[in-house]
C-alpha cells in the first residue's frame, strides 16, 4: 500500500513551514524523500495513507497503571478514560492537562502499567489541520521513537541531531524498556554502559544520522551504521502506535482499512515473511506443474481414445475413405446397413409401438398418434399421475424415456440408431 510519511517540525505550522517526507510503496523502501511545503507534498497512489511522525523532542513519556475494570480500546476512548488519565498525570506534568494530548500504548490493559505519550494538543492539531487543508489528510500519527520492546528484541541506540547539538537515543534499555535522550559524548556513552575502543565489552551497534556519524564514531571508537531520517520514518510508520486518539482519533473504517493494508504490505514485503512468500511461491509452482502434467495426461488419453475409435471405424467400414467425425459417420453407416437388411432401428415406429404396447395397462388404447424419427406421441390416454413412475421405469428398461404431457404419452429413444 502506498504510504506518505511526514515528519512534523517542532514549531507551529506557518506559510513557509516545510515537512520532511518519505514516499514508499511497500513500507520498507523509500521511493522518494525530500523536504517541501505542505502544498507541494506528493500524493499517494490509491489505496494509500498518510502517516505523520512526531519527533522525539515533541513527546514525553509517562508510565501509569489504569484502574482495574476500566474499558479500553479504540471504541472505548471516552471522556471517562480521559479524566482518569488527567487525574493520574496531573501531578507529573508541568503544563495544564487540558492543553495536552494523551495517547495510550497499543494493546493497553487496565490493572497493569502502560505507557502514555504526551504532547502539546494545539501543536499537533494545528499540523493535522494544515496538512488536511493541503489535501493530505493524516490517517495515523506515530512517534519517532517509542518505549517498549524493540524490533530486534534488544536495546537499540541511535545518534541523531546536528553537529552542534548531537543526541543519543537509548531505546529498550532498563527494566521498564523506556527511552532516554542524552547528549552524544564519550561520558554519556560510558554512563550508558556502551562498549568503546579499549574496553572488554563487545562493540555496541549504533545507528547514526549522517550529520552526526563522524562524532559518534569518534565517541565510540568504532564504525557506526548510517541511518537516515527517511529510514527512521519508515521504521516509525511500521510500528503499532497510533497517537491519533480521543478527540483526534480516526474512524473505525479508516482503522480497519489501515490495518488490512498494513497486514497485506507486511505479507508482501516484510523480511520476516520472506520464507513464507518463498514457500507459497514454490507451492503455487508445484500446483501449476501438477495441473500441466494432469492436463497433458488427459490430452494423451483423449488422443488415444480418438485413435482407437478411428481405427475401429475404418476396420468396420473400410469403404469410407475420409474419417472426419467417426461417431456421426458410424451412425449413418449403421442406418444404411439396417435399411439394406430390412431391420428396424429403436428409433423406428414399429419398435416404439411395441414398447408402448408392452407397458400400457390393459384396455388403454390411444385415440391418435404422432411420430417423428425417435419420438412417438400417443394421444387420448387417460393415465393417472401415479401410473407415470411405473410406465417410465418399464420404458427405461426397454431403452426409451417416457413422460405424460396433457393426456398424451411421449416416448423417446435413448439409444442412437
Protein backbone atom coordinates (compact mmCIF):
# COMPACT_ATOMS: atom_id res chain seq x y z
CA UNK A 1 0.00 0.00 0.00
CA UNK A 2 1.34 3.42 -0.95
CA UNK A 3 2.26 5.47 2.12
CA UNK A 4 3.34 9.08 2.51
CA UNK A 5 5.28 9.53 5.76
CA UNK A 6 5.61 13.10 7.03
CA UNK A 7 7.96 14.29 9.78
CA UNK A 8 6.30 17.07 11.77
CA UNK A 9 8.55 20.05 12.61
CA UNK A 10 8.63 21.00 16.33
CA UNK A 11 7.35 24.53 15.64
CA UNK A 12 3.79 25.56 14.84
CA UNK A 13 2.85 25.45 11.14
CA UNK A 14 3.11 28.59 9.06
CA UNK A 15 3.03 29.70 5.45
CA UNK A 16 6.61 28.59 4.77
CA UNK A 17 6.66 25.53 7.05
CA UNK A 18 8.37 22.59 5.37
CA UNK A 19 7.80 18.90 6.05
CA UNK A 20 10.28 16.12 5.52
CA UNK A 21 8.54 13.36 3.62
CA UNK A 22 9.20 9.81 2.55
CA UNK A 23 7.06 8.13 -0.11
CA UNK A 24 7.04 4.33 -0.08
CA UNK A 25 5.07 1.65 -1.92
CA UNK A 26 5.84 -1.27 0.39
CA UNK A 27 6.56 0.34 3.75
CA UNK A 28 10.19 -0.78 3.69
CA UNK A 29 11.87 1.02 0.80
CA UNK A 30 11.78 4.76 0.10
CA UNK A 31 10.79 5.73 -3.42
CA UNK A 32 11.30 9.46 -2.83
CA UNK A 33 12.26 11.61 0.14
CA UNK A 34 12.79 15.34 0.43
CA UNK A 35 11.80 18.50 2.32
CA UNK A 36 8.99 20.65 0.97
CA UNK A 37 5.94 22.74 1.86
CA UNK A 38 2.58 21.12 2.57
CA UNK A 39 1.01 22.20 -0.73
CA UNK A 40 3.86 20.57 -2.71
CA UNK A 41 3.82 17.21 -0.95
CA UNK A 42 3.35 14.24 -3.33
CA UNK A 43 0.14 12.26 -3.40
CA UNK A 44 -0.17 8.56 -2.57
CA UNK A 45 -1.42 6.00 -5.05
CA UNK A 46 -4.84 4.56 -4.20
CA UNK A 47 -5.31 2.89 -1.84
CA UNK A 48 -2.87 4.83 0.30
CA UNK A 49 -2.43 6.50 3.65
CA UNK A 50 -0.64 9.48 5.13
CA UNK A 51 1.35 8.92 8.33
CA UNK A 52 2.62 11.75 10.50
CA UNK A 53 5.74 11.20 12.63
CA UNK A 54 6.04 13.16 15.88
CA UNK A 55 9.71 13.99 16.64
CA UNK A 56 11.15 12.76 19.90
CA UNK A 57 11.64 16.27 21.29
CA UNK A 58 7.87 16.94 20.99
CA UNK A 59 6.89 13.96 23.16
CA UNK A 60 7.21 12.97 26.78
CA UNK A 61 6.52 9.50 28.11
CA UNK A 62 4.75 8.58 31.32
CA UNK A 63 4.05 5.17 32.76
CA UNK A 64 0.78 4.75 34.66
CA UNK A 65 -1.39 1.94 35.94
CA UNK A 66 -5.04 2.27 34.99
CA UNK A 67 -7.73 1.14 37.46
CA UNK A 68 -8.92 -2.46 37.01
CA UNK A 69 -12.17 -2.83 35.09
CA UNK A 70 -11.70 0.35 33.09
CA UNK A 71 -12.81 -0.36 29.49
CA UNK A 72 -10.06 0.27 26.94
CA UNK A 73 -9.76 0.05 23.18
CA UNK A 74 -10.29 2.34 20.20
CA UNK A 75 -14.06 2.33 20.72
CA UNK A 76 -13.76 2.99 24.48
CA UNK A 77 -11.79 6.26 24.39
CA UNK A 78 -14.47 8.11 26.30
CA UNK A 79 -14.34 11.28 28.42
CA UNK A 80 -14.22 8.99 31.45
CA UNK A 81 -10.92 7.45 30.30
CA UNK A 82 -9.54 10.90 29.54
CA UNK A 83 -10.50 12.17 33.01
CA UNK A 84 -8.77 9.14 34.57
CA UNK A 85 -5.57 9.97 32.68
CA UNK A 86 -5.86 13.62 33.73
CA UNK A 87 -6.03 12.57 37.37
CA UNK A 88 -3.10 10.16 37.12
CA UNK A 89 -0.80 12.58 35.27
CA UNK A 90 -1.80 15.92 36.76
CA UNK A 91 0.95 15.93 39.39
CA UNK A 92 3.65 14.68 37.00
CA UNK A 93 3.29 17.32 34.27
CA UNK A 94 4.22 20.98 34.34
CA UNK A 95 1.55 22.07 31.84
CA UNK A 96 -2.18 22.01 32.38
CA UNK A 97 -3.54 18.62 31.27
CA UNK A 98 -6.30 20.39 29.31
CA UNK A 99 -3.61 21.73 26.95
CA UNK A 100 -2.02 18.30 26.39
CA UNK A 101 -2.85 15.35 24.18
CA UNK A 102 -2.59 11.82 25.58
CA UNK A 103 -2.24 8.51 23.72
CA UNK A 104 -2.13 5.01 25.21
CA UNK A 105 0.29 2.35 24.03
CA UNK A 106 -1.07 -0.36 21.68
CA UNK A 107 -2.80 -3.20 23.50
CA UNK A 108 -3.04 -1.28 26.78
CA UNK A 109 -4.75 -3.19 29.58
CA UNK A 110 -6.27 -1.99 32.82
CA UNK A 111 -4.58 -3.05 36.02
CA UNK A 112 -1.07 -3.24 34.54
CA UNK A 113 1.49 -0.45 33.87
CA UNK A 114 1.09 1.15 30.44
CA UNK A 115 2.96 3.86 28.57
CA UNK A 116 1.23 7.16 27.80
CA UNK A 117 2.57 9.53 25.15
CA UNK A 118 2.10 13.21 25.94
CA UNK A 119 2.41 16.16 23.56
CA UNK A 120 1.03 19.64 23.03
CA UNK A 121 -2.54 19.32 21.77
CA UNK A 122 -2.68 22.68 19.97
CA UNK A 123 0.62 22.00 18.15
CA UNK A 124 -0.45 18.54 16.94
CA UNK A 125 -3.94 19.67 15.93
CA UNK A 126 -2.52 22.67 14.04
CA UNK A 127 -0.25 20.45 11.94
CA UNK A 128 -3.01 17.95 11.19
CA UNK A 129 -5.34 20.77 10.11
CA UNK A 130 -2.63 22.36 7.95
CA UNK A 131 -1.96 19.07 6.19
CA UNK A 132 -5.68 18.41 5.69
CA UNK A 133 -6.08 21.89 4.20
CA UNK A 134 -3.32 20.97 1.74
CA UNK A 135 -5.20 17.81 0.74
CA UNK A 136 -3.07 15.43 2.79
CA UNK A 137 -5.41 14.06 5.45
CA UNK A 138 -3.39 12.17 8.06
CA UNK A 139 -4.78 8.75 8.91
CA UNK A 140 -2.22 7.78 11.56
CA UNK A 141 0.18 9.57 13.91
CA UNK A 142 3.24 7.69 15.18
CA UNK A 143 6.18 8.59 17.45
CA UNK A 144 9.68 8.80 16.01
CA UNK A 145 10.89 6.62 18.90
CA UNK A 146 8.67 4.66 21.28
CA UNK A 147 9.29 2.77 24.54
CA UNK A 148 8.72 -0.92 24.93
CA UNK A 149 10.20 -3.94 23.14
CA UNK A 150 12.27 -3.05 20.10
CA UNK A 151 12.11 -4.73 16.71
CA UNK A 152 15.41 -6.52 17.34
CA UNK A 153 14.36 -7.68 20.80
CA UNK A 154 17.34 -5.97 22.43
CA UNK A 155 18.38 -2.39 23.16
CA UNK A 156 18.72 -0.02 20.24
CA UNK A 157 20.97 3.02 20.23
CA UNK A 158 20.66 5.88 17.77
CA UNK A 159 22.55 9.10 17.27
CA UNK A 160 20.55 11.97 15.79
CA UNK A 161 20.54 15.74 15.67
CA UNK A 162 23.09 18.12 14.21
CA UNK A 163 26.81 18.60 14.61
CA UNK A 164 26.10 21.45 17.05
CA UNK A 165 23.52 19.50 19.05
CA UNK A 166 24.11 15.73 18.75
CA UNK A 167 21.83 13.48 20.78
CA UNK A 168 21.97 9.87 21.87
CA UNK A 169 18.65 7.95 21.90
CA UNK A 170 18.52 4.80 24.03
CA UNK A 171 15.50 2.54 23.43
CA UNK A 172 14.64 -0.69 25.20
CA UNK A 173 17.19 -0.22 27.98
CA UNK A 174 16.46 -0.96 31.61
CA UNK A 175 13.72 -2.99 33.23
CA UNK A 176 10.94 -0.69 32.02
CA UNK A 177 12.31 -0.59 28.43
CA UNK A 178 11.86 3.16 28.34
CA UNK A 179 13.53 5.89 26.28
CA UNK A 180 16.49 8.01 27.31
CA UNK A 181 17.69 11.12 25.47
CA UNK A 182 21.26 12.13 26.28
CA UNK A 183 23.87 14.38 24.71
CA UNK A 184 26.23 12.47 22.46
CA UNK A 185 29.54 12.49 24.38
CA UNK A 186 32.03 9.81 25.44
CA UNK A 187 30.90 10.37 29.03
CA UNK A 188 27.24 9.59 28.29
CA UNK A 189 28.28 6.55 26.28
CA UNK A 190 30.26 5.26 29.24
CA UNK A 191 27.40 6.12 31.59
CA UNK A 192 25.03 4.11 29.41
CA UNK A 193 27.42 1.14 29.56
CA UNK A 194 28.14 1.12 25.82
CA UNK A 195 31.31 -0.61 24.67
CA UNK A 196 34.10 1.62 23.38
CA UNK A 197 37.52 1.07 21.98
CA UNK A 198 39.89 -0.42 24.54
CA UNK A 199 37.14 -1.87 26.75
CA UNK A 200 36.42 -5.56 27.27
CA UNK A 201 32.76 -5.21 26.25
CA UNK A 202 31.88 -6.01 22.65
CA UNK A 203 31.14 -3.02 20.41
CA UNK A 204 27.51 -1.94 20.68
CA UNK A 205 25.71 -1.46 17.34
CA UNK A 206 24.81 2.18 16.92
CA UNK A 207 22.76 3.72 14.13
CA UNK A 208 23.72 7.27 13.39
CA UNK A 209 22.32 10.04 11.25
CA UNK A 210 24.86 11.11 8.60
CA UNK A 211 25.08 14.55 10.21
CA UNK A 212 26.47 13.09 13.47
CA UNK A 213 28.03 9.86 12.20
CA UNK A 214 31.61 11.16 12.47
CA UNK A 215 31.03 12.42 16.04
CA UNK A 216 29.50 9.08 17.03
CA UNK A 217 32.44 7.14 15.59
CA UNK A 218 34.93 9.26 17.49
CA UNK A 219 32.96 8.89 20.72
CA UNK A 220 32.52 5.13 20.36
CA UNK A 221 35.87 4.33 18.87
CA UNK A 222 34.46 2.07 16.15
CA UNK A 223 32.36 2.49 12.97
CA UNK A 224 28.60 3.04 13.17
CA UNK A 225 25.74 2.16 10.87
CA UNK A 226 24.28 5.05 8.88
CA UNK A 227 20.55 5.52 9.48
CA UNK A 228 18.94 8.48 7.76
CA UNK A 229 15.86 10.42 8.83
CA UNK A 230 13.97 8.76 5.98
CA UNK A 231 14.90 5.31 7.29
CA UNK A 232 13.79 6.33 10.80
CA UNK A 233 10.46 7.48 9.37
CA UNK A 234 9.96 4.11 7.67
CA UNK A 235 10.72 2.32 10.95
CA UNK A 236 8.29 4.55 12.85
CA UNK A 237 5.49 4.06 10.31
CA UNK A 238 5.75 0.26 10.68
CA UNK A 239 5.15 0.43 14.43
CA UNK A 240 1.82 -0.42 16.06
CA UNK A 241 1.50 3.01 17.66
CA UNK A 242 -1.20 5.49 16.71
CA UNK A 243 -1.20 8.76 18.65
CA UNK A 244 -4.44 9.90 16.96
CA UNK A 245 -6.62 9.04 19.92
CA UNK A 246 -9.55 10.56 21.82
CA UNK A 247 -10.65 13.74 20.01
CA UNK A 248 -8.07 13.15 17.24
CA UNK A 249 -8.98 9.51 16.61
CA UNK A 250 -9.74 8.31 13.09
CA UNK A 251 -12.92 6.46 12.13
CA UNK A 252 -13.32 2.71 12.60
CA UNK A 253 -13.46 2.28 8.81
CA UNK A 254 -10.13 4.08 8.38
CA UNK A 255 -8.56 1.97 11.12
CA UNK A 256 -9.82 -1.24 9.51
CA UNK A 257 -8.54 -0.23 6.06
CA UNK A 258 -5.22 0.83 7.51
CA UNK A 259 -4.84 -2.41 9.42
CA UNK A 260 -5.73 -4.51 6.38
CA UNK A 261 -3.30 -2.54 4.23
CA UNK A 262 -0.56 -2.90 6.82
CA UNK A 263 -1.07 -6.65 7.07
CA UNK A 264 -1.04 -7.02 3.28
CA UNK A 265 2.09 -4.88 2.98
CA UNK A 266 3.85 -6.91 5.65
CA UNK A 267 2.94 -10.20 3.97
CA UNK A 268 4.19 -8.95 0.60
CA UNK A 269 7.36 -7.12 1.62
CA UNK A 270 8.37 -7.62 5.27
CA UNK A 271 11.67 -9.55 5.68
CA UNK A 272 10.24 -11.82 8.40
CA UNK A 273 7.69 -13.15 5.88
CA UNK A 274 10.26 -13.85 3.16
CA UNK A 275 10.38 -17.59 3.93
CA UNK A 276 6.57 -17.80 3.85
CA UNK A 277 6.49 -15.97 0.50
CA UNK A 278 9.05 -18.37 -0.95
CA UNK A 279 7.11 -21.36 0.38
CA UNK A 280 3.87 -20.02 -1.10
CA UNK A 281 5.59 -19.41 -4.45
CA UNK A 282 7.00 -22.94 -4.51
CA UNK A 283 3.57 -24.34 -3.60
CA UNK A 284 1.90 -22.39 -6.41
CA UNK A 285 4.55 -23.52 -8.92
CA UNK A 286 4.15 -27.13 -7.78
CA UNK A 287 0.38 -26.92 -8.26
CA UNK A 288 0.80 -25.37 -11.70
CA UNK A 289 3.27 -28.07 -12.69
CA UNK A 290 0.89 -30.75 -11.41
CA UNK A 291 -2.03 -29.25 -13.32
CA UNK A 292 0.04 -29.15 -16.51
CA UNK A 293 1.08 -32.79 -16.10
CA UNK A 294 -2.53 -33.83 -15.42
CA UNK A 295 -3.77 -31.88 -18.46
CA UNK A 296 -1.07 -33.48 -20.62
CA UNK A 297 -2.10 -36.95 -19.44
CA UNK A 298 -5.77 -36.18 -20.16
CA UNK A 299 -4.90 -34.96 -23.65
CA UNK A 300 -2.87 -38.11 -24.27
CA UNK A 301 -5.73 -40.34 -23.07
CA UNK A 302 -8.24 -38.45 -25.24
CA UNK A 303 -5.96 -38.72 -28.26
CA UNK A 304 -5.58 -42.47 -27.65
CA UNK A 305 -9.38 -42.90 -27.47
CA UNK A 306 -9.87 -40.93 -30.67
CA UNK A 307 -7.21 -43.01 -32.43
CA UNK A 308 -8.87 -46.24 -31.22
CA UNK A 309 -12.28 -45.01 -32.39
CA UNK A 310 -10.96 -44.14 -35.84
CA UNK A 311 -9.20 -47.48 -36.09
CA UNK A 312 -12.38 -49.36 -35.13
CA UNK A 313 -14.42 -47.37 -37.64
CA UNK A 314 -12.01 -47.91 -40.54
CA UNK A 315 -11.80 -51.64 -39.78
CA UNK A 316 -15.60 -51.96 -39.61
CA UNK A 317 -16.36 -49.78 -42.60
CA UNK A 318 -13.31 -49.92 -44.88
CA UNK A 319 -15.31 -48.38 -47.77
CA UNK A 320 -15.30 -44.98 -46.02
CA UNK A 321 -12.16 -43.19 -47.15
CA UNK A 322 -12.30 -39.94 -45.16
CA UNK A 323 -12.88 -40.16 -41.42
CA UNK A 324 -13.91 -36.73 -40.07
CA UNK A 325 -16.48 -37.39 -37.33
CA UNK A 326 -16.30 -41.13 -36.51
CA UNK A 327 -19.39 -41.28 -34.26
CA UNK A 328 -21.73 -39.49 -36.69
CA UNK A 329 -20.35 -41.43 -39.66
CA UNK A 330 -20.77 -44.71 -37.82
CA UNK A 331 -24.42 -43.88 -37.07
CA UNK A 332 -25.09 -43.16 -40.71
CA UNK A 333 -23.37 -46.37 -41.85
CA UNK A 334 -25.33 -48.43 -39.30
CA UNK A 335 -28.60 -46.86 -40.52
CA UNK A 336 -27.71 -47.75 -44.12
CA UNK A 337 -26.97 -51.34 -43.12
CA UNK A 338 -30.32 -51.66 -41.33
CA UNK A 339 -32.17 -50.27 -44.32
CA UNK A 340 -30.36 -52.67 -46.64
CA UNK A 341 -31.17 -55.66 -44.43
CA UNK A 342 -34.74 -54.57 -43.66
CA UNK A 343 -34.15 -54.49 -39.88
CA UNK A 344 -35.64 -51.93 -37.58
CA UNK A 345 -33.94 -49.28 -35.51
CA UNK A 346 -35.06 -48.50 -31.94
CA UNK A 347 -35.99 -45.07 -33.33
CA UNK A 348 -38.42 -46.51 -35.89
CA UNK A 349 -42.18 -46.61 -35.45
CA UNK A 350 -42.63 -50.39 -35.09
CA UNK A 351 -40.21 -50.90 -32.14
CA UNK A 352 -41.58 -47.82 -30.36
CA UNK A 353 -45.19 -49.03 -30.80
CA UNK A 354 -44.21 -52.43 -29.47
CA UNK A 355 -42.54 -50.88 -26.43
CA UNK A 356 -45.60 -48.70 -25.73
CA UNK A 357 -47.96 -51.67 -26.05
CA UNK A 358 -45.92 -53.71 -23.58
CA UNK A 359 -46.11 -51.11 -20.82
CA UNK A 360 -49.65 -49.70 -21.20
CA UNK A 361 -52.28 -51.06 -18.81
CA UNK A 362 -54.87 -53.42 -20.25
CA UNK A 363 -57.72 -51.70 -22.06
CA UNK A 364 -55.85 -48.41 -22.57
CA UNK A 365 -55.94 -47.62 -26.29
CA UNK A 366 -54.73 -44.27 -27.70
CA UNK A 367 -57.10 -42.27 -29.89
CA UNK A 368 -54.30 -40.88 -32.07
CA UNK A 369 -50.58 -40.86 -32.58
CA UNK A 370 -47.84 -38.59 -33.92
CA UNK A 371 -44.46 -39.91 -34.98
CA UNK A 372 -41.16 -38.34 -35.88
CA UNK A 373 -37.90 -40.22 -36.04
CA UNK A 374 -37.00 -41.13 -32.48
CA UNK A 375 -40.21 -39.74 -30.87
CA UNK A 376 -43.74 -41.17 -30.58
CA UNK A 377 -46.67 -39.28 -29.07
CA UNK A 378 -49.79 -41.36 -28.14
CA UNK A 379 -52.86 -39.17 -27.62
CA UNK A 380 -56.05 -39.84 -25.67
CA UNK A 381 -54.57 -41.96 -22.90
CA UNK A 382 -56.36 -41.23 -19.60
CA UNK A 383 -53.48 -42.23 -17.34
CA UNK A 384 -53.40 -41.38 -13.63
CA UNK A 385 -50.38 -39.47 -12.26
CA UNK A 386 -49.41 -42.39 -10.02
CA UNK A 387 -49.11 -44.60 -13.11
CA UNK A 388 -46.37 -42.44 -14.63
CA UNK A 389 -43.46 -43.78 -12.47
CA UNK A 390 -44.37 -47.37 -13.39
CA UNK A 391 -44.53 -46.57 -17.11
CA UNK A 392 -41.25 -44.63 -17.15
CA UNK A 393 -39.44 -47.40 -15.27
CA UNK A 394 -40.63 -50.06 -17.72
CA UNK A 395 -39.85 -47.88 -20.75
CA UNK A 396 -36.35 -47.19 -19.46
CA UNK A 397 -35.74 -50.92 -19.21
CA UNK A 398 -36.73 -51.16 -22.89
CA UNK A 399 -34.37 -48.34 -23.89
CA UNK A 400 -36.87 -45.47 -24.00
CA UNK A 401 -37.81 -42.46 -21.94
CA UNK A 402 -41.45 -41.66 -21.31
CA UNK A 403 -43.46 -38.81 -19.82
CA UNK A 404 -47.12 -37.74 -19.58
CA UNK A 405 -47.94 -34.50 -21.39
CA UNK A 406 -51.53 -33.19 -21.27
CA UNK A 407 -53.23 -36.57 -21.69
CA UNK A 408 -50.57 -37.93 -24.05
CA UNK A 409 -47.71 -40.38 -23.55
CA UNK A 410 -44.46 -39.23 -25.18
CA UNK A 411 -41.76 -41.83 -25.92
CA UNK A 412 -38.24 -41.06 -26.99
CA UNK A 413 -35.44 -43.42 -27.92
CA UNK A 414 -32.48 -43.29 -25.57
CA UNK A 415 -30.09 -45.18 -27.81
CA UNK A 416 -28.58 -43.98 -31.06
CA UNK A 417 -29.70 -45.62 -34.29
